[in-house]
């Protein structure tokens, strides 16, 4: 009863159909950036929890995209980033079977990573 209150931020992404994918990855990438920026702004914050209705298809897809975007951020977009999309999906599937449930979701991961890299390269070129 003497525990301090917890701050919980709830984010919901409405434009993602069950078993499908959004029309383009820009909205998902912006959403992830917003969530991660808020997470970084809270010192000592806990983990981010992701869940869709079944907890595997959309959940796995957004987790894999977030992992890969983080790797690219840390390694730098100009270097040969050591990202392996199939290996990353296998890694999350070892933790929860069925993550990234459909072929469309698998392709969407590739589209999101490609769009993120292209946007980062453009942003860095404009800064120079």
N, C-alpha and C. Protein backbone atom coordinates (compact mmCIF):
# COMPACT_ATOMS: atom_id res chain seq x y z
N UNK A 1 0.81 -1.20 0.00
CA UNK A 1 0.00 0.00 0.00
C UNK A 1 0.85 1.26 0.00
N UNK A 2 2.14 1.13 0.31
CA UNK A 2 3.02 2.28 0.31
C UNK A 2 3.73 2.45 -1.03
N UNK A 3 3.32 1.68 -2.04
CA UNK A 3 3.96 1.76 -3.34
C UNK A 3 3.63 3.08 -4.02
N UNK A 4 4.60 3.58 -4.76
CA UNK A 4 4.38 4.80 -5.52
C UNK A 4 3.49 4.51 -6.72
N UNK A 5 2.72 5.49 -7.13
CA UNK A 5 1.87 5.26 -8.32
C UNK A 5 2.74 5.08 -9.57
N UNK A 6 2.22 4.37 -10.54
CA UNK A 6 2.93 4.14 -11.79
C UNK A 6 2.28 4.97 -12.89
N UNK A 7 3.14 5.47 -13.76
CA UNK A 7 2.66 6.17 -14.94
C UNK A 7 2.59 5.16 -16.08
N UNK A 8 1.43 5.01 -16.67
CA UNK A 8 1.25 4.10 -17.79
C UNK A 8 0.76 4.93 -18.98
N UNK A 9 1.49 4.83 -20.08
CA UNK A 9 1.07 5.48 -21.32
C UNK A 9 0.57 4.40 -22.26
N UNK A 10 -0.62 4.61 -22.77
CA UNK A 10 -1.24 3.62 -23.66
C UNK A 10 -1.31 4.22 -25.06
N UNK A 11 -0.68 3.54 -26.00
CA UNK A 11 -0.72 3.96 -27.40
C UNK A 11 -1.49 2.92 -28.18
N UNK A 12 -2.30 3.38 -29.11
CA UNK A 12 -3.08 2.46 -29.92
C UNK A 12 -2.95 2.85 -31.38
N UNK A 13 -2.66 1.89 -32.23
CA UNK A 13 -2.53 2.13 -33.66
C UNK A 13 -3.75 1.50 -34.34
N UNK A 14 -4.62 2.35 -34.87
CA UNK A 14 -5.91 1.88 -35.38
C UNK A 14 -5.89 1.46 -36.85
N UNK A 15 -4.88 1.84 -37.60
CA UNK A 15 -4.89 1.62 -39.05
C UNK A 15 -4.20 0.33 -39.47
N UNK A 16 -4.37 -0.72 -38.70
CA UNK A 16 -3.71 -1.98 -39.02
C UNK A 16 -4.75 -3.10 -38.96
N UNK A 17 -5.18 -3.60 -40.12
CA UNK A 17 -6.22 -4.64 -40.13
C UNK A 17 -5.69 -5.97 -39.60
N UNK A 18 -6.55 -6.72 -38.93
CA UNK A 18 -6.17 -8.04 -38.42
C UNK A 18 -5.78 -8.94 -39.59
N UNK A 19 -4.68 -9.65 -39.45
CA UNK A 19 -4.11 -10.55 -40.47
C UNK A 19 -3.62 -9.81 -41.70
N UNK A 20 -3.67 -8.51 -41.72
CA UNK A 20 -3.22 -7.74 -42.87
C UNK A 20 -2.10 -6.80 -42.49
N UNK A 21 -1.92 -5.79 -43.32
CA UNK A 21 -0.91 -4.77 -43.08
C UNK A 21 -1.46 -3.41 -43.50
N UNK A 22 -0.91 -2.33 -42.97
CA UNK A 22 -1.30 -1.00 -43.44
C UNK A 22 -0.90 -0.83 -44.91
N UNK A 23 -1.47 0.17 -45.56
CA UNK A 23 -1.17 0.41 -46.98
C UNK A 23 0.29 0.76 -47.21
N UNK A 24 0.89 1.47 -46.28
CA UNK A 24 2.30 1.85 -46.39
C UNK A 24 2.88 1.95 -44.98
N UNK A 25 4.22 1.82 -44.86
CA UNK A 25 4.83 1.74 -43.52
C UNK A 25 5.09 3.08 -42.83
N UNK A 26 4.89 4.20 -43.51
CA UNK A 26 5.23 5.49 -42.91
C UNK A 26 4.51 5.77 -41.60
N UNK A 27 3.24 5.44 -41.53
CA UNK A 27 2.49 5.67 -40.30
C UNK A 27 2.99 4.83 -39.14
N UNK A 28 3.35 3.59 -39.42
CA UNK A 28 3.88 2.70 -38.39
C UNK A 28 5.23 3.21 -37.90
N UNK A 29 6.07 3.64 -38.84
CA UNK A 29 7.39 4.17 -38.46
C UNK A 29 7.25 5.43 -37.61
N UNK A 30 6.32 6.31 -37.97
CA UNK A 30 6.08 7.52 -37.17
C UNK A 30 5.55 7.16 -35.79
N UNK A 31 4.65 6.20 -35.74
CA UNK A 31 4.09 5.74 -34.47
C UNK A 31 5.19 5.20 -33.57
N UNK A 32 6.05 4.34 -34.12
CA UNK A 32 7.15 3.79 -33.32
C UNK A 32 8.09 4.88 -32.83
N UNK A 33 8.37 5.86 -33.68
CA UNK A 33 9.25 6.97 -33.27
C UNK A 33 8.62 7.73 -32.10
N UNK A 34 7.32 7.98 -32.18
CA UNK A 34 6.62 8.70 -31.11
C UNK A 34 6.67 7.90 -29.80
N UNK A 35 6.40 6.62 -29.87
CA UNK A 35 6.42 5.77 -28.67
C UNK A 35 7.82 5.72 -28.07
N UNK A 36 8.82 5.51 -28.91
CA UNK A 36 10.20 5.42 -28.41
C UNK A 36 10.70 6.75 -27.86
N UNK A 37 10.32 7.85 -28.48
CA UNK A 37 10.71 9.17 -27.97
C UNK A 37 10.11 9.39 -26.58
N UNK A 38 8.85 9.05 -26.41
CA UNK A 38 8.20 9.19 -25.10
C UNK A 38 8.87 8.29 -24.08
N UNK A 39 9.22 7.08 -24.47
CA UNK A 39 9.88 6.13 -23.56
C UNK A 39 11.22 6.67 -23.09
N UNK A 40 11.99 7.24 -24.02
CA UNK A 40 13.31 7.79 -23.66
C UNK A 40 13.19 9.01 -22.75
N UNK A 41 12.07 9.70 -22.80
CA UNK A 41 11.91 10.92 -22.01
C UNK A 41 11.59 10.64 -20.54
N UNK A 42 11.32 9.40 -20.20
CA UNK A 42 10.96 9.04 -18.83
C UNK A 42 12.10 8.25 -18.21
N UNK A 43 12.89 8.89 -17.34
CA UNK A 43 14.01 8.17 -16.71
C UNK A 43 13.51 6.96 -15.91
N UNK A 44 14.21 5.85 -16.06
CA UNK A 44 13.87 4.65 -15.30
C UNK A 44 12.57 3.99 -15.70
N UNK A 45 12.10 4.30 -16.91
CA UNK A 45 10.82 3.72 -17.33
C UNK A 45 10.95 2.22 -17.56
N UNK A 46 9.86 1.54 -17.44
CA UNK A 46 9.84 0.09 -17.63
C UNK A 46 9.79 -0.27 -19.11
N UNK A 47 9.53 -1.52 -19.39
CA UNK A 47 9.53 -1.99 -20.78
C UNK A 47 8.29 -1.53 -21.54
N UNK A 48 8.42 -1.55 -22.85
CA UNK A 48 7.26 -1.31 -23.72
C UNK A 48 6.57 -2.65 -23.91
N UNK A 49 5.26 -2.65 -23.76
CA UNK A 49 4.47 -3.86 -23.94
C UNK A 49 3.66 -3.69 -25.22
N UNK A 50 3.70 -4.69 -26.09
CA UNK A 50 3.00 -4.65 -27.37
C UNK A 50 2.02 -5.81 -27.43
N UNK A 51 0.78 -5.54 -27.86
CA UNK A 51 -0.19 -6.63 -27.98
C UNK A 51 -1.29 -6.27 -28.96
N UNK A 52 -1.60 -7.20 -29.85
CA UNK A 52 -2.77 -7.08 -30.72
C UNK A 52 -3.81 -8.09 -30.22
N UNK A 53 -4.82 -8.38 -31.00
CA UNK A 53 -5.87 -9.27 -30.49
C UNK A 53 -5.34 -10.66 -30.14
N UNK A 54 -4.55 -11.28 -31.01
CA UNK A 54 -4.00 -12.61 -30.73
C UNK A 54 -2.59 -12.53 -30.14
N UNK A 55 -1.92 -11.41 -30.32
CA UNK A 55 -0.58 -11.24 -29.76
C UNK A 55 0.53 -11.86 -30.57
N UNK A 56 0.29 -12.13 -31.86
CA UNK A 56 1.37 -12.73 -32.66
C UNK A 56 1.61 -12.04 -34.00
N UNK A 57 0.59 -11.80 -34.79
CA UNK A 57 0.78 -11.27 -36.14
C UNK A 57 1.24 -9.82 -36.15
N UNK A 58 0.32 -8.93 -35.83
CA UNK A 58 0.66 -7.50 -35.80
C UNK A 58 1.68 -7.21 -34.71
N UNK A 59 1.52 -7.87 -33.58
CA UNK A 59 2.47 -7.69 -32.48
C UNK A 59 3.88 -8.04 -32.91
N UNK A 60 4.05 -9.21 -33.49
CA UNK A 60 5.37 -9.64 -33.94
C UNK A 60 5.94 -8.73 -35.01
N UNK A 61 5.09 -8.29 -35.92
CA UNK A 61 5.55 -7.43 -37.00
C UNK A 61 6.08 -6.11 -36.46
N UNK A 62 5.36 -5.48 -35.56
CA UNK A 62 5.81 -4.19 -35.04
C UNK A 62 7.05 -4.36 -34.15
N UNK A 63 7.14 -5.46 -33.42
CA UNK A 63 8.32 -5.71 -32.59
C UNK A 63 9.55 -5.90 -33.47
N UNK A 64 9.42 -6.69 -34.54
CA UNK A 64 10.56 -6.92 -35.44
C UNK A 64 10.99 -5.61 -36.09
N UNK A 65 10.04 -4.81 -36.55
CA UNK A 65 10.39 -3.51 -37.15
C UNK A 65 11.13 -2.65 -36.13
N UNK A 66 10.63 -2.60 -34.91
CA UNK A 66 11.27 -1.79 -33.87
C UNK A 66 12.68 -2.27 -33.57
N UNK A 67 12.89 -3.57 -33.49
CA UNK A 67 14.23 -4.12 -33.25
C UNK A 67 15.17 -3.70 -34.37
N UNK A 68 14.74 -3.86 -35.61
CA UNK A 68 15.61 -3.56 -36.76
C UNK A 68 15.91 -2.07 -36.87
N UNK A 69 14.91 -1.23 -36.64
CA UNK A 69 15.13 0.22 -36.66
C UNK A 69 16.13 0.62 -35.58
N UNK A 70 16.02 0.00 -34.41
CA UNK A 70 16.97 0.29 -33.33
C UNK A 70 18.39 -0.11 -33.72
N UNK A 71 18.55 -1.27 -34.34
CA UNK A 71 19.88 -1.70 -34.79
C UNK A 71 20.44 -0.71 -35.80
N UNK A 72 19.62 -0.28 -36.74
CA UNK A 72 20.08 0.68 -37.76
C UNK A 72 20.47 2.00 -37.10
N UNK A 73 19.67 2.46 -36.14
CA UNK A 73 20.01 3.69 -35.40
C UNK A 73 21.37 3.56 -34.73
N UNK A 74 21.60 2.44 -34.07
CA UNK A 74 22.84 2.25 -33.32
C UNK A 74 24.05 2.05 -34.23
N UNK A 75 23.88 1.35 -35.34
CA UNK A 75 25.02 1.06 -36.22
C UNK A 75 25.26 2.14 -37.26
N UNK A 76 24.27 2.94 -37.53
CA UNK A 76 24.41 4.00 -38.53
C UNK A 76 23.95 3.54 -39.89
N UNK A 77 23.17 4.38 -40.52
CA UNK A 77 22.54 4.03 -41.79
C UNK A 77 23.55 3.99 -42.94
N UNK A 78 24.68 4.68 -42.80
CA UNK A 78 25.67 4.71 -43.89
C UNK A 78 26.56 3.49 -43.90
N UNK A 79 26.65 2.81 -42.79
CA UNK A 79 27.49 1.62 -42.72
C UNK A 79 26.70 0.43 -43.24
N UNK A 80 27.40 -0.65 -43.49
CA UNK A 80 26.70 -1.88 -43.83
C UNK A 80 26.11 -2.42 -42.53
N UNK A 81 24.88 -2.05 -42.27
CA UNK A 81 24.23 -2.47 -41.03
C UNK A 81 24.10 -3.99 -41.01
N UNK A 82 24.36 -4.53 -39.87
CA UNK A 82 24.29 -5.97 -39.69
C UNK A 82 22.88 -6.35 -39.29
N UNK A 83 21.95 -6.24 -40.25
CA UNK A 83 20.57 -6.64 -39.95
C UNK A 83 20.24 -7.87 -40.78
N UNK A 84 19.50 -8.75 -40.18
CA UNK A 84 19.10 -9.99 -40.84
C UNK A 84 17.63 -10.19 -40.48
N UNK A 85 16.76 -9.85 -41.42
CA UNK A 85 15.32 -9.88 -41.14
C UNK A 85 14.83 -11.29 -40.82
N UNK A 86 15.14 -12.31 -41.64
CA UNK A 86 14.67 -13.66 -41.28
C UNK A 86 15.19 -14.13 -39.91
N UNK A 87 16.44 -13.81 -39.61
CA UNK A 87 17.02 -14.22 -38.32
C UNK A 87 16.32 -13.50 -37.16
N UNK A 88 15.97 -12.23 -37.35
CA UNK A 88 15.27 -11.48 -36.31
C UNK A 88 13.88 -12.07 -36.08
N UNK A 89 13.20 -12.43 -37.16
CA UNK A 89 11.88 -13.04 -37.03
C UNK A 89 11.99 -14.39 -36.33
N UNK A 90 12.99 -15.18 -36.67
CA UNK A 90 13.20 -16.46 -35.98
C UNK A 90 13.44 -16.25 -34.49
N UNK A 91 14.21 -15.21 -34.16
CA UNK A 91 14.51 -14.91 -32.76
C UNK A 91 13.22 -14.60 -31.97
N UNK A 92 12.35 -13.76 -32.53
CA UNK A 92 11.12 -13.44 -31.80
C UNK A 92 10.18 -14.64 -31.78
N UNK A 93 10.23 -15.47 -32.81
CA UNK A 93 9.39 -16.68 -32.82
C UNK A 93 9.84 -17.70 -31.78
N UNK A 94 11.11 -17.67 -31.41
CA UNK A 94 11.57 -18.56 -30.34
C UNK A 94 10.97 -18.12 -29.00
N UNK A 95 10.64 -16.85 -28.90
CA UNK A 95 10.05 -16.33 -27.67
C UNK A 95 8.53 -16.46 -27.67
N UNK A 96 7.93 -16.38 -28.86
CA UNK A 96 6.48 -16.56 -29.00
C UNK A 96 6.20 -17.07 -30.41
N UNK A 97 5.74 -18.28 -30.48
CA UNK A 97 5.49 -18.94 -31.76
C UNK A 97 4.45 -18.16 -32.57
N UNK A 98 4.69 -18.07 -33.87
CA UNK A 98 3.72 -17.44 -34.76
C UNK A 98 3.92 -15.96 -35.00
N UNK A 99 4.92 -15.37 -34.35
CA UNK A 99 5.15 -13.93 -34.56
C UNK A 99 5.40 -13.67 -36.04
N UNK A 100 4.86 -12.56 -36.54
CA UNK A 100 4.85 -12.22 -37.97
C UNK A 100 4.14 -13.38 -38.68
N UNK A 101 2.83 -13.27 -38.71
CA UNK A 101 1.95 -14.40 -39.01
C UNK A 101 1.73 -14.66 -40.50
N UNK A 102 1.72 -13.62 -41.32
CA UNK A 102 1.37 -13.81 -42.73
C UNK A 102 2.51 -13.37 -43.64
N UNK A 103 2.43 -13.80 -44.89
CA UNK A 103 3.41 -13.38 -45.89
C UNK A 103 3.37 -11.86 -46.06
N UNK A 104 2.17 -11.29 -46.04
CA UNK A 104 2.03 -9.84 -46.18
C UNK A 104 2.75 -9.11 -45.04
N UNK A 105 2.65 -9.63 -43.82
CA UNK A 105 3.34 -9.02 -42.68
C UNK A 105 4.84 -9.16 -42.83
N UNK A 106 5.29 -10.30 -43.33
CA UNK A 106 6.72 -10.53 -43.57
C UNK A 106 7.25 -9.51 -44.57
N UNK A 107 6.51 -9.32 -45.67
CA UNK A 107 6.91 -8.33 -46.69
C UNK A 107 6.86 -6.91 -46.13
N UNK A 108 5.89 -6.66 -45.25
CA UNK A 108 5.76 -5.33 -44.66
C UNK A 108 6.98 -4.97 -43.83
N UNK A 109 7.57 -5.94 -43.15
CA UNK A 109 8.80 -5.69 -42.40
C UNK A 109 9.87 -5.17 -43.35
N UNK A 110 10.04 -5.84 -44.49
CA UNK A 110 11.03 -5.40 -45.48
C UNK A 110 10.72 -3.99 -45.98
N UNK A 111 9.44 -3.72 -46.28
CA UNK A 111 9.05 -2.39 -46.75
C UNK A 111 9.36 -1.32 -45.72
N UNK A 112 9.06 -1.61 -44.46
CA UNK A 112 9.28 -0.63 -43.39
C UNK A 112 10.77 -0.35 -43.21
N UNK A 113 11.58 -1.39 -43.22
CA UNK A 113 13.03 -1.21 -43.06
C UNK A 113 13.59 -0.42 -44.23
N UNK A 114 13.15 -0.76 -45.44
CA UNK A 114 13.63 -0.03 -46.62
C UNK A 114 13.24 1.45 -46.54
N UNK A 115 11.99 1.72 -46.20
CA UNK A 115 11.54 3.11 -46.11
C UNK A 115 12.29 3.85 -45.02
N UNK A 116 12.53 3.20 -43.89
CA UNK A 116 13.26 3.85 -42.80
C UNK A 116 14.68 4.21 -43.24
N UNK A 117 15.37 3.27 -43.88
CA UNK A 117 16.75 3.53 -44.33
C UNK A 117 16.77 4.67 -45.34
N UNK A 118 15.86 4.64 -46.31
CA UNK A 118 15.81 5.71 -47.32
C UNK A 118 15.53 7.07 -46.68
N UNK A 119 14.61 7.12 -45.73
CA UNK A 119 14.29 8.39 -45.06
C UNK A 119 15.47 8.89 -44.24
N UNK A 120 16.16 7.98 -43.55
CA UNK A 120 17.33 8.37 -42.75
C UNK A 120 18.46 8.87 -43.64
N UNK A 121 18.69 8.20 -44.75
CA UNK A 121 19.74 8.64 -45.67
C UNK A 121 19.43 10.03 -46.22
N UNK A 122 18.18 10.26 -46.58
CA UNK A 122 17.77 11.57 -47.10
C UNK A 122 17.95 12.64 -46.02
N UNK A 123 17.53 12.33 -44.80
CA UNK A 123 17.66 13.29 -43.70
C UNK A 123 19.12 13.64 -43.45
N UNK A 124 19.99 12.63 -43.45
CA UNK A 124 21.41 12.86 -43.21
C UNK A 124 22.05 13.65 -44.36
N UNK A 125 21.63 13.39 -45.58
CA UNK A 125 22.15 14.15 -46.73
C UNK A 125 21.77 15.62 -46.61
N UNK A 126 20.54 15.88 -46.18
CA UNK A 126 20.07 17.26 -46.05
C UNK A 126 20.79 18.00 -44.93
N UNK A 127 21.24 17.27 -43.90
CA UNK A 127 21.96 17.89 -42.80
C UNK A 127 23.38 18.28 -43.18
N UNK A 128 23.93 17.66 -44.22
CA UNK A 128 25.32 17.93 -44.60
C UNK A 128 25.44 19.16 -45.46
